[in-house]
Protein backbone atom coordinates (compact mmCIF):
# COMPACT_ATOMS: atom_id res chain seq x y z
CA MET A 1 -48.19 10.93 65.11
CA GLN A 2 -50.03 13.48 62.98
CA SER A 3 -53.12 13.16 60.85
CA ILE A 4 -52.80 13.57 57.10
CA LYS A 5 -55.69 16.03 57.22
CA ASP A 6 -53.88 18.21 59.80
CA ILE A 7 -50.74 18.27 57.68
CA MET A 8 -52.74 19.14 54.55
CA ASN A 9 -54.56 21.93 56.43
CA ARG A 10 -51.21 23.49 57.37
CA SER A 11 -50.21 23.64 53.71
CA ALA A 12 -52.47 26.45 52.51
CA LEU A 13 -50.64 26.95 49.19
CA THR A 14 -50.73 23.31 48.08
CA THR A 15 -52.98 22.54 45.12
CA VAL A 16 -55.13 19.53 46.02
CA GLU A 17 -56.19 17.21 43.20
CA GLN A 18 -59.94 16.46 43.26
CA ASP A 19 -60.21 14.09 40.27
CA ARG A 20 -61.23 10.62 41.50
CA ALA A 21 -59.44 8.68 38.74
CA ALA A 22 -56.22 10.61 39.38
CA ASN A 23 -56.49 9.94 43.11
CA ASP A 24 -57.15 6.23 42.52
CA ALA A 25 -54.06 5.99 40.29
CA ALA A 26 -51.99 7.86 42.90
CA ASP A 27 -53.23 5.51 45.63
CA GLU A 28 -52.26 2.48 43.54
CA LEU A 29 -48.79 3.93 42.91
CA MET A 30 -48.30 4.65 46.60
CA THR A 31 -49.39 1.13 47.56
CA LEU A 32 -46.88 -0.31 45.09
CA MET A 33 -44.16 2.01 46.35
CA LEU A 34 -44.74 1.36 50.04
CA ARG A 35 -44.77 -2.40 49.41
CA MET A 36 -41.52 -1.87 47.46
CA ASP A 37 -43.13 -3.28 44.30
CA ILE A 38 -43.02 -0.08 42.24
CA TYR A 39 -40.14 -1.22 40.03
CA MET A 40 -41.39 -4.82 39.86
CA ILE A 41 -44.34 -3.91 37.62
CA GLU A 42 -44.05 -3.41 33.88
CA PRO A 43 -42.54 0.03 33.13
CA GLN A 44 -45.44 0.82 30.77
CA HIS A 45 -47.96 0.13 33.55
CA ARG A 46 -46.02 2.35 35.99
CA GLN A 47 -45.79 5.14 33.41
CA ARG A 48 -49.52 4.87 32.65
CA LEU A 49 -50.34 5.13 36.37
CA GLN A 50 -47.97 8.09 36.76
CA LYS A 51 -49.61 9.88 33.85
CA MET A 52 -53.12 9.18 35.19
CA ALA A 53 -52.17 10.27 38.72
CA GLY A 54 -50.60 13.60 37.75
CA GLY A 55 -50.74 16.10 40.61
CA ALA A 56 -52.60 13.63 42.82
CA LEU A 57 -49.31 11.79 43.25
CA ALA A 58 -47.66 15.03 44.38
CA ASN A 59 -50.35 15.29 47.08
CA ARG A 60 -48.92 12.09 48.58
CA PHE A 61 -45.50 13.65 49.32
CA VAL A 62 -44.14 16.18 51.79
CA PHE A 63 -41.00 18.06 50.85
CA ALA A 64 -38.32 20.14 52.50
CA CYS A 65 -35.37 22.15 51.25
CA ARG A 66 -31.90 21.79 52.72
CA ASP A 67 -30.20 25.09 52.18
CA ASP A 68 -28.09 25.23 55.32
CA ASN A 69 -24.77 24.20 53.74
CA PRO A 70 -22.97 27.29 52.42
CA ASP A 71 -20.66 25.07 50.32
CA ASP A 72 -23.60 23.88 48.21
CA GLU A 73 -24.47 26.19 45.36
CA GLU A 74 -27.83 24.49 44.85
CA PRO A 75 -30.26 23.49 47.57
CA VAL A 76 -31.14 19.84 48.09
CA TRP A 77 -34.84 18.93 48.05
CA VAL A 78 -36.05 16.03 50.17
CA PHE A 79 -39.34 14.24 49.42
CA MET A 80 -41.08 11.63 51.54
CA PRO A 81 -44.45 9.88 51.37
CA LEU A 82 -46.99 11.86 53.40
CA GLU A 83 -48.50 8.66 54.81
CA VAL A 84 -45.16 7.51 56.26
CA TRP A 85 -44.39 10.96 57.66
CA ALA A 86 -47.83 11.31 59.24
CA LYS A 87 -47.82 7.86 60.82
CA THR A 88 -44.22 7.54 61.97
CA GLY A 89 -42.23 10.73 61.58
CA LEU A 90 -39.45 8.47 60.28
CA ALA A 91 -37.29 8.96 57.22
CA TYR A 92 -38.13 7.14 54.01
CA THR A 93 -35.16 5.36 52.50
CA LEU A 94 -36.35 4.10 49.12
CA PRO A 95 -36.37 5.88 45.76
CA CYS A 96 -39.41 8.06 45.11
CA PRO A 97 -40.73 7.67 41.54
CA ILE A 98 -41.64 11.33 41.13
CA GLU A 99 -39.13 12.34 38.47
CA HIS A 100 -41.95 12.98 36.00
CA LEU A 101 -43.37 15.64 38.37
CA LEU A 102 -40.10 17.53 38.86
CA PRO A 103 -38.53 20.11 36.55
CA PRO A 104 -36.38 18.97 33.62
CA GLY A 105 -32.83 18.30 34.75
CA ALA A 106 -33.82 17.08 38.21
CA PHE A 107 -31.95 14.03 39.39
CA GLU A 108 -32.12 11.88 42.50
CA ILE A 109 -28.80 12.13 44.36
CA ALA A 110 -29.92 9.79 47.15
CA ASP A 111 -33.15 8.01 47.99
CA GLY A 112 -35.91 10.63 48.05
CA THR A 113 -33.34 13.44 47.74
CA TRP A 114 -33.27 15.53 44.59
CA LEU A 115 -31.17 18.24 43.05
CA TRP A 116 -31.84 20.31 39.98
CA PRO A 117 -29.59 23.10 38.86
CA ASP A 118 -31.43 26.09 37.49
CA SER A 119 -31.74 29.81 37.92
CA LYS A 120 -34.99 29.78 39.94
CA ASN A 121 -34.66 31.01 43.47
CA LYS A 122 -35.50 28.61 46.29
CA THR A 123 -38.66 30.39 47.38
CA ASP A 124 -40.04 30.37 43.82
CA ARG A 125 -39.17 26.67 43.51
CA ALA A 126 -40.97 25.86 46.80
CA LEU A 127 -44.04 27.82 45.71
CA ALA A 128 -44.02 26.02 42.34
CA LEU A 129 -43.81 22.63 44.08
CA MET A 130 -46.80 23.52 46.27
CA ALA A 131 -48.75 24.75 43.23
CA GLN A 132 -48.02 21.40 41.64
CA GLY A 133 -49.46 19.59 44.67
CA PHE A 134 -46.46 18.78 46.86
CA ILE A 135 -46.93 19.50 50.56
CA TRP A 136 -44.54 21.64 52.58
CA ASP A 137 -44.88 20.85 56.28
CA PRO A 138 -42.91 22.95 58.79
CA ALA A 139 -42.45 19.92 61.05
CA PHE A 140 -40.94 17.93 58.18
CA GLN A 141 -38.71 20.87 57.26
CA HIS A 142 -37.51 21.01 60.86
CA ARG A 143 -36.89 17.25 60.87
CA VAL A 144 -34.83 17.52 57.69
CA ASP A 145 -32.54 20.36 58.60
CA ASN A 146 -33.22 21.16 62.25
CA THR A 147 -32.74 24.86 61.47
CA GLN A 148 -34.87 27.90 60.88
CA SER A 149 -33.11 29.13 57.75
CA THR A 150 -34.23 32.23 55.92
CA LEU A 151 -35.92 30.06 53.29
CA THR A 152 -37.76 28.07 55.98
CA GLN A 153 -39.03 31.27 57.56
CA THR A 154 -40.12 32.68 54.18
CA ILE A 155 -42.03 29.55 53.15
CA ALA A 156 -43.62 29.26 56.61
CA ARG A 157 -44.82 32.87 56.42
CA LEU A 158 -46.23 32.45 52.89
CA ASN A 159 -47.82 29.07 53.65
CA ARG A 160 -49.93 30.07 56.67
CA PRO A 161 -53.57 29.07 56.36
CA PRO A 162 -56.00 32.00 56.30
CA ALA A 163 -57.22 33.18 59.68
CA PRO A 164 -60.65 31.80 60.65
CA GLN A 165 -63.49 34.16 59.93
CA PRO A 166 -65.52 35.25 62.97
């Protein structure tokens, strides 16, 4: 079991949303999602919460990139609620309503697993996701693909927190 704060501290490149209203909306969305009620509410209410939450919702998800299959032309991106990952280390098996935070053309190929064909390289995509607020955690990456791919090593090197000042 890990603390959410420890995971966030390991993700030095992640943009953290500070707006209270955005964080409140993100918390409400996550509560609905984790109770499996997210698609039971009126679509307009869900969309309003998603718009209000913005990047704060991204702060509630860890992500990893599966790029270890040479037959796949595009990498697969896996997203999971940070709270579930921190508390259990278990996989999340329900859809993640984050399509509005992902690039145009992204589509969910399995629960919490996304693909989007484009010309961006994987490292640039990972950096863009972190700038948007998503959290890359090396332990989650390892759990997803159990490898130390070139991309994993590159993101890990770029995402190191700054060294403590003496």
